C-alpha atoms as a PDB file:
ATOM      1  CA  MET A   1      97.311  -9.615 185.752  1.00  0.00           C
ATOM      2  CA  SER A   2      96.516 -10.290 182.069  1.00  0.00           C
ATOM      3  CA  GLN A   3      99.770 -12.011 181.225  1.00  0.00           C
ATOM      4  CA  VAL A   4     100.835 -15.662 180.961  1.00  0.00           C
ATOM      5  CA  SER A   5     104.229 -17.289 181.136  1.00  0.00           C
ATOM      6  CA  ASP A   6     103.848 -18.797 177.667  1.00  0.00           C
ATOM      7  CA  VAL A   7     101.278 -19.212 174.927  1.00  0.00           C
ATOM      8  CA  SER A   8     101.970 -22.869 174.277  1.00  0.00           C
ATOM      9  CA  ILE A   9      99.371 -25.428 175.476  1.00  0.00           C
ATOM     10  CA  ALA A  10     100.816 -28.677 176.847  1.00  0.00           C
ATOM     11  CA  ASN A  11      99.144 -32.101 176.739  1.00  0.00           C
ATOM     12  CA  GLN A  12      96.804 -32.216 179.710  1.00  0.00           C
ATOM     13  CA  GLY A  13      93.335 -33.060 180.909  1.00  0.00           C
ATOM     14  CA  PHE A  14      90.345 -31.142 179.601  1.00  0.00           C
ATOM     15  CA  SER A  15      89.765 -29.070 182.742  1.00  0.00           C
ATOM     16  CA  ALA A  16      93.397 -27.909 182.891  1.00  0.00           C
ATOM     17  CA  PHE A  17      93.374 -27.343 179.119  1.00  0.00           C
ATOM     18  CA  ARG A  18      90.340 -25.100 179.376  1.00  0.00           C
ATOM     19  CA  THR A  19      91.884 -23.046 182.196  1.00  0.00           C
ATOM     20  CA  GLU A  20      95.175 -22.546 180.330  1.00  0.00           C
ATOM     21  CA  LEU A  21      93.376 -21.676 177.093  1.00  0.00           C
ATOM     22  CA  ASN A  22      91.212 -19.101 178.854  1.00  0.00           C
ATOM     23  CA  ASN A  23      94.339 -17.572 180.450  1.00  0.00           C
ATOM     24  CA  ILE A  24      96.097 -17.326 177.065  1.00  0.00           C
ATOM     25  CA  LEU A  25      92.996 -15.844 175.403  1.00  0.00           C
ATOM     26  CA  GLY A  26      92.694 -13.339 178.277  1.00  0.00           C
ATOM     27  CA  ALA A  27      96.317 -12.284 177.812  1.00  0.00           C
ATOM     28  CA  LEU A  28      95.842 -11.871 174.041  1.00  0.00           C
ATOM     29  CA  ASN A  29      92.561 -10.024 174.560  1.00  0.00           C
ATOM     30  CA  SER A  30      94.225  -7.485 176.905  1.00  0.00           C
ATOM     31  CA  MET A  31      97.406  -7.141 174.755  1.00  0.00           C
ATOM     32  CA  HIS A  32      99.448  -8.778 177.506  1.00  0.00           C
ATOM     33  CA  SER A  33      98.800  -5.720 179.707  1.00  0.00           C
ATOM     34  CA  GLY A  34     101.049  -5.276 182.711  1.00  0.00           C
ATOM     35  CA  THR A  35     103.776  -3.160 184.228  1.00  0.00           C
ATOM     36  CA  SER A  36     106.559  -5.198 182.592  1.00  0.00           C
ATOM     37  CA  ARG A  37     107.089  -7.244 179.447  1.00  0.00           C
ATOM     38  CA  PRO A  38     105.355 -10.625 179.656  1.00  0.00           C
ATOM     39  CA  SER A  39     107.686 -13.597 180.073  1.00  0.00           C
ATOM     40  CA  SER A  40     105.953 -15.211 177.094  1.00  0.00           C
ATOM     41  CA  ALA A  41     107.138 -12.409 174.778  1.00  0.00           C
ATOM     42  CA  THR A  42     109.097 -13.284 171.694  1.00  0.00           C
ATOM     43  CA  THR A  43     110.336 -11.209 168.757  1.00  0.00           C
ATOM     44  CA  GLY A  44     107.305  -9.405 167.314  1.00  0.00           C
ATOM     45  CA  THR A  45     105.162  -9.440 170.463  1.00  0.00           C
ATOM     46  CA  MET A  46     103.194  -6.262 171.148  1.00  0.00           C
ATOM     47  CA  TRP A  47     102.105  -5.623 174.715  1.00  0.00           C
ATOM     48  CA  LEU A  48     100.412  -2.872 176.770  1.00  0.00           C
ATOM     49  CA  ASP A  49     102.483  -1.217 179.518  1.00  0.00           C
ATOM     50  CA  THR A  50     100.131  -0.086 182.313  1.00  0.00           C
ATOM     51  CA  THR A  51     102.854   1.453 184.532  1.00  0.00           C
ATOM     52  CA  ASN A  52     101.352   4.974 184.192  1.00  0.00           C
ATOM     53  CA  SER A  53      97.712   3.975 184.042  1.00  0.00           C
ATOM     54  CA  GLY A  54      97.052   6.055 187.144  1.00  0.00           C
ATOM     55  CA  SER A  55      98.000   9.123 185.066  1.00  0.00           C
ATOM     56  CA  ASN A  56      95.636   8.151 182.261  1.00  0.00           C
ATOM     57  CA  SER A  57      98.540   6.983 180.123  1.00  0.00           C
ATOM     58  CA  LEU A  58      99.097   3.570 178.569  1.00  0.00           C
ATOM     59  CA  GLU A  59     102.020   2.612 176.278  1.00  0.00           C
ATOM     60  CA  ILE A  60     101.814   0.130 173.426  1.00  0.00           C
ATOM     61  CA  LYS A  61     105.204  -1.531 173.107  1.00  0.00           C
ATOM     62  CA  PHE A  62     106.870  -3.753 170.499  1.00  0.00           C
ATOM     63  CA  PHE A  63     109.436  -6.365 171.578  1.00  0.00           C
ATOM     64  CA  ASP A  64     112.225  -6.744 169.006  1.00  0.00           C
ATOM     65  CA  GLY A  65     113.839  -9.696 170.732  1.00  0.00           C
ATOM     66  CA  SER A  66     116.034  -7.656 173.026  1.00  0.00           C
ATOM     67  CA  ASP A  67     114.372  -4.291 173.675  1.00  0.00           C
ATOM     68  CA  ASP A  68     110.893  -2.896 174.138  1.00  0.00           C
ATOM     69  CA  ILE A  69     110.173  -0.119 171.616  1.00  0.00           C
ATOM     70  CA  THR A  70     107.350   2.272 172.440  1.00  0.00           C
ATOM     71  CA  PHE A  71     104.995   2.230 169.447  1.00  0.00           C
ATOM     72  CA  ALA A  72     102.343   4.633 170.728  1.00  0.00           C
ATOM     73  CA  THR A  73     100.982   6.290 173.856  1.00  0.00           C
ATOM     74  CA  VAL A  74      97.272   6.100 174.664  1.00  0.00           C
ATOM     75  CA  ASP A  75      95.733   9.046 176.548  1.00  0.00           C
ATOM     76  CA  THR A  76      92.717   7.487 178.255  1.00  0.00           C
ATOM     77  CA  SER A  77      91.487  10.904 179.408  1.00  0.00           C
ATOM     78  CA  ALA A  78      91.529  12.644 175.983  1.00  0.00           C
ATOM     79  CA  ASN A  79      90.825   9.384 174.146  1.00  0.00           C
ATOM     80  CA  THR A  80      93.745   9.963 171.760  1.00  0.00           C
ATOM     81  CA  ILE A  81      96.685   7.945 170.490  1.00  0.00           C
ATOM     82  CA  ASN A  82     100.070   9.615 169.910  1.00  0.00           C
ATOM     83  CA  PHE A  83     102.418   7.617 167.738  1.00  0.00           C
ATOM     84  CA  SER A  84     106.110   7.682 168.574  1.00  0.00           C
ATOM     85  CA  ASP A  85     108.695   8.741 165.941  1.00  0.00           C
ATOM     86  CA  ALA A  86     105.944   8.774 163.333  1.00  0.00           C
ATOM     87  CA  ALA A  87     106.268  10.427 159.939  1.00  0.00           C
ATOM     88  CA  THR A  88     102.583  10.765 159.180  1.00  0.00           C
ATOM     89  CA  ASP A  89     101.474  11.442 155.611  1.00  0.00           C
ATOM     90  CA  VAL A  90      98.609  13.985 155.711  1.00  0.00           C
ATOM     91  CA  VAL A  91      97.950  13.975 151.970  1.00  0.00           C
ATOM     92  CA  GLY A  92      94.775  11.995 152.434  1.00  0.00           C
ATOM     93  CA  ASP A  93      93.561  14.231 155.276  1.00  0.00           C
ATOM     94  CA  THR A  94      91.895  17.299 153.702  1.00  0.00           C
ATOM     95  CA  THR A  95      91.350  19.015 157.073  1.00  0.00           C
ATOM     96  CA  PRO A  96      94.385  18.146 159.233  1.00  0.00           C
ATOM     97  CA  GLN A  97      94.578  19.851 162.628  1.00  0.00           C
ATOM     98  CA  LEU A  98      97.380  20.339 165.122  1.00  0.00           C
ATOM     99  CA  GLY A  99      97.002  19.243 168.697  1.00  0.00           C
ATOM    100  CA  GLY A 100      99.830  21.533 169.816  1.00  0.00           C
ATOM    101  CA  ASP A 101     102.552  23.872 168.595  1.00  0.00           C
ATOM    102  CA  LEU A 102     104.305  22.886 165.387  1.00  0.00           C
ATOM    103  CA  ASP A 103     108.055  22.594 165.977  1.00  0.00           C
ATOM    104  CA  THR A 104     109.990  22.378 162.706  1.00  0.00           C
ATOM    105  CA  ASN A 105     112.896  20.677 164.505  1.00  0.00           C
ATOM    106  CA  SER A 106     115.508  22.717 162.570  1.00  0.00           C
ATOM    107  CA  PHE A 107     113.849  21.914 159.242  1.00  0.00           C
ATOM    108  CA  ASN A 108     112.006  24.227 156.845  1.00  0.00           C
ATOM    109  CA  ILE A 109     108.424  24.557 155.632  1.00  0.00           C
ATOM    110  CA  LYS A 110     108.102  24.586 151.840  1.00  0.00           C
ATOM    111  CA  ILE A 111     105.173  26.403 150.201  1.00  0.00           C
ATOM    112  CA  ASP A 112     104.277  26.108 146.524  1.00  0.00           C
ATOM    113  CA  ASP A 113     104.449  29.181 144.290  1.00  0.00           C
ATOM    114  CA  ALA A 114     101.411  31.520 144.572  1.00  0.00           C
ATOM    115  CA  HIS A 115     100.023  29.629 147.590  1.00  0.00           C
ATOM    116  CA  PHE A 116      99.127  31.211 150.890  1.00  0.00           C
ATOM    117  CA  ILE A 117      98.556  31.115 154.625  1.00  0.00           C
ATOM    118  CA  ALA A 118      94.874  31.697 155.388  1.00  0.00           C
ATOM    119  CA  ASP A 119      92.893  32.974 158.341  1.00  0.00           C
ATOM    120  CA  ASP A 120      90.437  30.769 160.232  1.00  0.00           C
ATOM    121  CA  ASP A 121      87.755  31.568 157.633  1.00  0.00           C
ATOM    122  CA  GLY A 122      89.959  30.433 154.764  1.00  0.00           C
ATOM    123  CA  ASN A 123      90.703  33.952 153.498  1.00  0.00           C
ATOM    124  CA  GLU A 124      94.179  34.672 152.123  1.00  0.00           C
ATOM    125  CA  GLN A 125      96.438  36.464 154.595  1.00  0.00           C
ATOM    126  CA  LEU A 126      99.925  35.923 153.189  1.00  0.00           C
ATOM    127  CA  ILE A 127     100.668  34.810 149.609  1.00  0.00           C
ATOM    128  CA  PHE A 128     104.104  33.488 148.670  1.00  0.00           C
ATOM    129  CA  GLN A 129     105.481  34.163 145.174  1.00  0.00           C
ATOM    130  CA  LYS A 130     108.531  32.317 143.863  1.00  0.00           C
ATOM    131  CA  THR A 131     111.489  33.578 141.836  1.00  0.00           C
ATOM    132  CA  ALA A 132     113.587  30.941 140.112  1.00  0.00           C
ATOM    133  CA  SER A 133     117.074  30.550 141.649  1.00  0.00           C
ATOM    134  CA  ALA A 134     116.310  33.140 144.338  1.00  0.00           C
ATOM    135  CA  VAL A 135     119.179  34.145 146.657  1.00  0.00           C
ATOM    136  CA  ASN A 136     117.597  37.110 148.470  1.00  0.00           C
ATOM    137  CA  GLU A 137     114.726  36.864 150.921  1.00  0.00           C
ATOM    138  CA  LEU A 138     112.819  38.526 153.772  1.00  0.00           C
ATOM    139  CA  GLU A 139     113.780  38.220 157.424  1.00  0.00           C
ATOM    140  CA  ILE A 140     111.255  38.859 160.196  1.00  0.00           C
ATOM    141  CA  THR A 141     112.841  39.333 163.625  1.00  0.00           C
ATOM    142  CA  ASN A 142     111.020  39.748 166.925  1.00  0.00           C
ATOM    143  CA  ALA A 143     112.324  41.956 169.722  1.00  0.00           C
ATOM    144  CA  ALA A 144     112.633  42.177 173.488  1.00  0.00           C
ATOM    145  CA  THR A 145     110.956  44.801 175.674  1.00  0.00           C
ATOM    146  CA  GLY A 146     111.549  48.368 174.503  1.00  0.00           C
ATOM    147  CA  ASN A 147     112.745  47.391 171.054  1.00  0.00           C
ATOM    148  CA  ALA A 148     110.991  47.207 167.702  1.00  0.00           C
ATOM    149  CA  PRO A 149     110.563  44.021 165.659  1.00  0.00           C
ATOM    150  CA  SER A 150     112.081  44.245 162.185  1.00  0.00           C
ATOM    151  CA  LEU A 151     111.284  43.306 158.617  1.00  0.00           C
ATOM    152  CA  GLY A 152     114.450  43.192 156.544  1.00  0.00           C
ATOM    153  CA  ALA A 153     116.138  41.857 153.441  1.00  0.00           C
ATOM    154  CA  SER A 154     118.877  39.232 153.544  1.00  0.00           C
ATOM    155  CA  GLY A 155     120.973  37.324 151.055  1.00  0.00           C
ATOM    156  CA  GLU A 156     123.600  39.206 149.083  1.00  0.00           C
ATOM    157  CA  THR A 157     125.780  41.941 150.621  1.00  0.00           C
ATOM    158  CA  ASN A 158     123.633  44.897 149.529  1.00  0.00           C
ATOM    159  CA  VAL A 159     119.959  44.161 148.960  1.00  0.00           C
ATOM    160  CA  ASP A 160     117.063  46.604 148.505  1.00  0.00           C
ATOM    161  CA  LEU A 161     113.703  46.058 150.180  1.00  0.00           C
ATOM    162  CA  LYS A 162     110.691  46.718 147.958  1.00  0.00           C
ATOM    163  CA  ILE A 163     107.205  47.544 149.238  1.00  0.00           C
ATOM    164  CA  LEU A 164     104.805  47.334 146.321  1.00  0.00           C
ATOM    165  CA  PRO A 165     101.205  48.590 146.374  1.00  0.00           C
ATOM    166  CA  LYS A 166      98.849  47.254 143.735  1.00  0.00           C
ATOM    167  CA  GLY A 167      97.659  49.408 140.851  1.00  0.00           C
ATOM    168  CA  SER A 168      97.174  52.991 142.007  1.00  0.00           C
ATOM    169  CA  GLY A 169      97.254  51.971 145.673  1.00  0.00           C
ATOM    170  CA  GLU A 170      99.395  53.832 148.196  1.00  0.00           C
ATOM    171  CA  ILE A 171     101.856  52.859 150.922  1.00  0.00           C
ATOM    172  CA  VAL A 172     100.238  54.007 154.173  1.00  0.00           C
ATOM    173  CA  ILE A 173     102.103  54.332 157.482  1.00  0.00           C
ATOM    174  CA  GLY A 174     100.797  55.127 160.954  1.00  0.00           C
ATOM    175  CA  THR A 175      97.936  53.956 163.143  1.00  0.00           C
ATOM    176  CA  GLY A 176      95.434  56.548 161.993  1.00  0.00           C
ATOM    177  CA  SER A 177      95.069  57.790 165.578  1.00  0.00           C
ATOM    178  CA  ALA A 178      98.421  59.570 166.028  1.00  0.00           C
ATOM    179  CA  ASP A 179     101.194  61.271 164.058  1.00  0.00           C
ATOM    180  CA  ALA A 180     103.277  58.942 161.891  1.00  0.00           C
ATOM    181  CA  THR A 181     107.060  59.385 161.852  1.00  0.00           C
ATOM    182  CA  LEU A 182     109.438  58.132 159.174  1.00  0.00           C
ATOM    183  CA  THR A 183     112.957  58.033 160.618  1.00  0.00           C
ATOM    184  CA  SER A 184     116.415  56.587 159.990  1.00  0.00           C
ATOM    185  CA  ASN A 185     118.093  53.862 162.054  1.00  0.00           C
ATOM    186  CA  GLY A 186     120.863  55.444 164.101  1.00  0.00           C
ATOM    187  CA  THR A 187     122.750  58.675 163.358  1.00  0.00           C
ATOM    188  CA  HIS A 188     122.378  58.449 159.602  1.00  0.00           C
ATOM    189  CA  ASN A 189     120.733  60.647 156.989  1.00  0.00           C
ATOM    190  CA  LEU A 190     117.223  60.016 155.684  1.00  0.00           C
ATOM    191  CA  ILE A 191     117.398  60.096 151.873  1.00  0.00           C
ATOM    192  CA  LEU A 192     114.447  60.163 149.492  1.00  0.00           C
ATOM    193  CA  ASP A 193     115.258  59.511 145.853  1.00  0.00           C
ATOM    194  CA  THR A 194     113.652  58.120 142.710  1.00  0.00           C
ATOM    195  CA  ASN A 195     114.804  55.069 140.768  1.00  0.00           C
ATOM    196  CA  SER A 196     117.801  54.582 143.082  1.00  0.00           C
ATOM    197  CA  GLY A 197     118.969  58.155 142.572  1.00  0.00           C
ATOM    198  CA  THR A 198     118.775  58.401 138.779  1.00  0.00           C
ATOM    199  CA  ASN A 199     117.245  61.459 137.102  1.00  0.00           C
ATOM    200  CA  SER A 200     113.987  59.807 136.204  1.00  0.00           C
ATOM    201  CA  SER A 201     111.116  61.396 138.075  1.00  0.00           C
ATOM    202  CA  ASN A 202     109.972  63.840 140.769  1.00  0.00           C
ATOM    203  CA  ILE A 203     109.569  63.593 144.516  1.00  0.00           C
ATOM    204  CA  THR A 204     106.204  65.099 145.450  1.00  0.00           C
ATOM    205  CA  ILE A 205     105.089  65.897 149.000  1.00  0.00           C
ATOM    206  CA  VAL A 206     101.357  66.588 149.174  1.00  0.00           C
ATOM    207  CA  ASP A 207      99.543  67.709 152.310  1.00  0.00           C
ATOM    208  CA  GLY A 208      96.038  66.790 153.320  1.00  0.00           C
ATOM    209  CA  ALA A 209      93.096  69.136 152.847  1.00  0.00           C
ATOM    210  CA  ASN A 210      94.249  72.637 153.977  1.00  0.00           C
ATOM    211  CA  GLY A 211      97.222  71.121 155.803  1.00  0.00           C
ATOM    212  CA  ASP A 212     100.671  72.672 156.143  1.00  0.00           C
ATOM    213  CA  ILE A 213     104.007  71.186 155.100  1.00  0.00           C
ATOM    214  CA  GLU A 214     106.631  72.112 157.685  1.00  0.00           C
ATOM    215  CA  PHE A 215     110.436  71.950 157.630  1.00  0.00           C
ATOM    216  CA  THR A 216     111.768  72.008 161.193  1.00  0.00           C
ATOM    217  CA  ASN A 217     115.457  71.717 161.980  1.00  0.00           C
ATOM    218  CA  ASN A 218     117.012  70.157 165.055  1.00  0.00           C
ATOM    219  CA  GLY A 219     118.898  72.693 167.179  1.00  0.00           C
ATOM    220  CA  THR A 220     120.895  75.142 165.040  1.00  0.00           C
ATOM    221  CA  GLY A 221     120.515  73.151 161.826  1.00  0.00           C
ATOM    222  CA  ASN A 222     119.470  74.879 158.609  1.00  0.00           C
ATOM    223  CA  VAL A 223     117.245  74.102 155.660  1.00  0.00           C
ATOM    224  CA  LYS A 224     119.722  73.672 152.811  1.00  0.00           C
ATOM    225  CA  PHE A 225     118.974  73.469 149.100  1.00  0.00           C
ATOM    226  CA  ASN A 226     121.908  72.199 147.035  1.00  0.00           C
ATOM    227  CA  ASP A 227     120.088  72.995 143.808  1.00  0.00           C
ATOM    228  CA  ALA A 228     117.557  75.584 142.657  1.00  0.00           C
ATOM    229  CA  ALA A 229     114.297  75.907 144.576  1.00  0.00           C
ATOM    230  CA  TYR A 230     111.435  77.847 143.040  1.00  0.00           C
ATOM    231  CA  PHE A 231     107.710  78.468 142.828  1.00  0.00           C
ATOM    232  CA  PRO A 232     106.329  77.650 139.376  1.00  0.00           C
ATOM    233  CA  GLU A 233     105.049  80.812 137.727  1.00  0.00           C
ATOM    234  CA  ALA A 234     101.254  80.825 137.541  1.00  0.00           C
ATOM    235  CA  THR A 235      99.164  82.753 135.036  1.00  0.00           C
ATOM    236  CA  LEU A 236      96.256  84.718 136.507  1.00  0.00           C
ATOM    237  CA  THR A 237      93.022  85.091 134.581  1.00  0.00           C
ATOM    238  CA  ASP A 238      92.581  88.555 133.106  1.00  0.00           C
ATOM    239  CA  ALA A 239      89.267  90.088 134.206  1.00  0.00           C
ATOM    240  CA  SER A 240      87.831  93.421 135.211  1.00  0.00           C
ATOM    241  CA  THR A 241      88.853  92.544 138.757  1.00  0.00           C
ATOM    242  CA  ILE A 242      91.792  90.130 138.763  1.00  0.00           C
ATOM    243  CA  SER A 243      91.702  87.417 141.436  1.00  0.00           C
ATOM    244  CA  TRP A 244      94.983  86.324 143.029  1.00  0.00           C
ATOM    245  CA  ASP A 245      95.174  83.287 145.320  1.00  0.00           C
ATOM    246  CA  THR A 246      98.601  83.912 146.826  1.00  0.00           C
ATOM    247  CA  GLN A 247      98.651  80.494 148.473  1.00  0.00           C
ATOM    248  CA  ALA A 248      98.203  78.610 145.204  1.00  0.00           C
ATOM    249  CA  ALA A 249     100.143  81.113 143.055  1.00  0.00           C
ATOM    250  CA  PRO A 250     102.758  83.005 145.116  1.00  0.00           C
ATOM    251  CA  VAL A 251     104.672  83.749 141.894  1.00  0.00           C
ATOM    252  CA  ALA A 252     102.273  84.919 139.221  1.00  0.00           C
ATOM    253  CA  LYS A 253     101.860  86.928 136.048  1.00  0.00           C
ATOM    254  CA  VAL A 254      98.919  88.467 134.257  1.00  0.00           C
ATOM    255  CA  THR A 255      98.539  90.067 130.824  1.00  0.00           C
ATOM    256  CA  LEU A 256      96.217  93.073 130.723  1.00  0.00           C
ATOM    257  CA  THR A 257      93.860  93.364 127.772  1.00  0.00           C
ATOM    258  CA  ASP A 258      92.001  96.370 129.195  1.00  0.00           C
ATOM    259  CA  ASN A 259      92.079  98.669 132.214  1.00  0.00           C
ATOM    260  CA  ARG A 260      91.865  96.427 135.273  1.00  0.00           C
ATOM    261  CA  THR A 261      91.733  96.290 139.085  1.00  0.00           C
ATOM    262  CA  LEU A 262      93.868  93.869 141.128  1.00  0.00           C
ATOM    263  CA  GLY A 263      91.657  92.326 143.789  1.00  0.00           C
ATOM    264  CA  ALA A 264      92.872  91.610 147.336  1.00  0.00           C
ATOM    265  CA  GLY A 265      95.196  88.624 147.488  1.00  0.00           C
ATOM    266  CA  SER A 266      93.591  85.615 149.187  1.00  0.00           C
ATOM    267  CA  ASN A 267      94.871  82.844 151.477  1.00  0.00           C
ATOM    268  CA  ALA A 268      98.107  84.651 152.339  1.00  0.00           C
ATOM    269  CA  VAL A 269      99.978  84.008 155.614  1.00  0.00           C
ATOM    270  CA  ALA A 270     101.991  86.508 157.624  1.00  0.00           C
ATOM    271  CA  GLY A 271     105.631  86.562 156.555  1.00  0.00           C
ATOM    272  CA  GLN A 272     104.930  85.313 153.027  1.00  0.00           C
ATOM    273  CA  PHE A 273     106.679  86.898 150.033  1.00  0.00           C
ATOM    274  CA  VAL A 274     104.802  87.018 146.726  1.00  0.00           C
ATOM    275  CA  SER A 275     105.511  88.507 143.315  1.00  0.00           C
ATOM    276  CA  LEU A 276     103.391  89.621 140.364  1.00  0.00           C
ATOM    277  CA  LEU A 277     104.507  90.381 136.816  1.00  0.00           C
ATOM    278  CA  VAL A 278     102.007  92.732 135.088  1.00  0.00           C
ATOM    279  CA  ILE A 279     102.314  92.583 131.286  1.00  0.00           C
ATOM    280  CA  GLN A 280     100.878  94.947 128.692  1.00  0.00           C
ATOM    281  CA  ASP A 281      99.193  93.253 125.768  1.00  0.00           C
ATOM    282  CA  GLY A 282     100.062  94.043 122.150  1.00  0.00           C
ATOM    283  CA  THR A 283      98.087  97.282 122.348  1.00  0.00           C
ATOM    284  CA  GLY A 284      99.589  98.688 125.549  1.00  0.00           C
ATOM    285  CA  SER A 285      98.551 101.684 127.666  1.00  0.00           C
ATOM    286  CA  ARG A 286      96.486  99.451 129.984  1.00  0.00           C
ATOM    287  CA  THR A 287      96.113 100.677 133.560  1.00  0.00           C
ATOM    288  CA  LEU A 288      95.912  98.707 136.794  1.00  0.00           C
ATOM    289  CA  SER A 289      94.261  99.897 139.991  1.00  0.00           C
ATOM    290  CA  PHE A 290      95.294  98.182 143.229  1.00  0.00           C
ATOM    291  CA  ASN A 291      93.032  97.074 146.079  1.00  0.00           C
ATOM    292  CA  ALA A 292      93.702  98.965 149.340  1.00  0.00           C
ATOM    293  CA  VAL A 293      95.323  95.841 150.777  1.00  0.00           C
ATOM    294  CA  TYR A 294      98.430  96.578 148.676  1.00  0.00           C
ATOM    295  CA  GLU A 295     100.674  99.118 150.390  1.00  0.00           C
ATOM    296  CA  PHE A 296     103.245 101.115 148.415  1.00  0.00           C
ATOM    297  CA  SER A 297     105.919 103.630 149.319  1.00  0.00           C
ATOM    298  CA  GLU A 298     104.376 106.874 150.585  1.00  0.00           C
ATOM    299  CA  ASP A 299     100.913 105.332 150.065  1.00  0.00           C
ATOM    300  CA  THR A 300     101.208 106.005 146.347  1.00  0.00           C
ATOM    301  CA  ALA A 301     100.339 103.272 143.861  1.00  0.00           C
ATOM    302  CA  PRO A 302     102.724 102.998 140.906  1.00  0.00           C
ATOM    303  CA  THR A 303     101.946 104.020 137.328  1.00  0.00           C
ATOM    304  CA  LEU A 304     102.396 101.097 134.950  1.00  0.00           C
ATOM    305  CA  THR A 305     104.558 101.057 131.873  1.00  0.00           C
ATOM    306  CA  THR A 306     102.393 101.764 128.873  1.00  0.00           C
ATOM    307  CA  THR A 307     104.623 100.237 126.212  1.00  0.00           C
ATOM    308  CA  ALA A 308     103.042  97.230 124.452  1.00  0.00           C
ATOM    309  CA  SER A 309     104.332  93.781 125.542  1.00  0.00           C
ATOM    310  CA  LYS A 310     106.522  95.202 128.303  1.00  0.00           C
ATOM    311  CA  GLY A 311     106.119  94.290 131.965  1.00  0.00           C
ATOM    312  CA  ASP A 312     106.323  95.611 135.506  1.00  0.00           C
ATOM    313  CA  LEU A 313     107.418  93.308 138.357  1.00  0.00           C
ATOM    314  CA  PHE A 314     106.202  93.829 141.931  1.00  0.00           C
ATOM    315  CA  VAL A 315     107.326  91.986 145.087  1.00  0.00           C
ATOM    316  CA  PHE A 316     105.304  92.095 148.306  1.00  0.00           C
ATOM    317  CA  ARG A 317     105.634  90.839 151.867  1.00  0.00           C
ATOM    318  CA  TYR A 318     102.385  90.027 153.670  1.00  0.00           C
ATOM    319  CA  ASN A 319     102.234  91.115 157.332  1.00  0.00           C
ATOM    320  CA  GLY A 320      98.896  89.564 158.208  1.00  0.00           C
ATOM    321  CA  SER A 321      96.742  92.408 156.935  1.00  0.00           C
ATOM    322  CA  LYS A 322      98.631  94.238 154.172  1.00  0.00           C
ATOM    323  CA  PHE A 323     100.794  93.305 151.204  1.00  0.00           C
ATOM    324  CA  LEU A 324     103.798  95.580 151.749  1.00  0.00           C
ATOM    325  CA  GLU A 325     105.753  96.399 148.620  1.00  0.00           C
ATOM    326  CA  VAL A 326     109.350  95.208 148.916  1.00  0.00           C
ATOM    327  CA  GLY A 327     110.497  96.232 145.473  1.00  0.00           C
ATOM    328  CA  ARG A 328     109.548  96.903 141.863  1.00  0.00           C
ATOM    329  CA  ASN A 329     111.148  96.795 138.409  1.00  0.00           C
ATOM    330  CA  LEU A 330     109.355  98.724 135.675  1.00  0.00           C
ATOM    331  CA  ASN A 331     109.479  98.831 131.917  1.00  0.00           C
ATOM    332  CA  LEU A 332     110.976  95.347 131.523  1.00  0.00           C
ATOM    333  CA  THR A 333     111.598  93.725 128.165  1.00  0.00           C
ATOM    334  CA  LEU A 334     110.364  90.165 128.573  1.00  0.00           C
ATOM    335  CA  SER A 335     111.664  88.423 125.483  1.00  0.00           C
END
């Protein structure tokens, strides 16, 4: 046992003196190691508690005159020292590392403005930007089995949540390997608006290459337009044979500058309604022949108005092979 009853050397013969001195030096050299505080301890004595040495754990203790305070624990297997109740300043350590999970102990982590959390290669993963006197913030909440984690706004009673791409970047949803669904939380409406509902801009839905845009109701629900819905009127190019892409220009007009032929409408789908306004130029008396794909009452193509600057309006329904005339209005004054 590397402890002594006291560290005071009494007057004695040389042989006894040498033995006592060696015992005291041995105790000091081993930090008074033992399973209990040495009897020689006084206020300020540090000693090594070997009670758990069999578990590769030694405790360095400080005697304050009445109690033994654990200063640090030595792990003789990992060759590490863990200080007790230590507030360690890591400013001087440019590459500090954790030996376990970081528990904030009900405190917060403060990050300077425009600083970030990086990946293990040092690349920026999450940058924090500061607003002076901020009262609103993000909340990230995990979830139990069968439920979705959430990213939300908190702070004031009603707070928007902004998702901001950079430059001309886009907000992309979905995994890229399955359909992506944008839905509301609970039995509430899904509302798309611009600038918080002010009359400032348009809402544009654009499909992918040759993709459809579908409106499908649930059960007996209807597609309802509270305001006007329309196809912008397109102007077809006047030519000897006039081309009409009925997918891109379902509502169209063309001004005839000579006798012309209307070519077969392209890219139509069965059930589609299309309309064409045929206008005479300032000379008038222009004729229009129709491709056989256009079907008129009694298989008889109409004769156009010949009056200069007047128009004839035709409406067709496509059945998958023919444009069936639904109605016509001739000799219309257009302005």
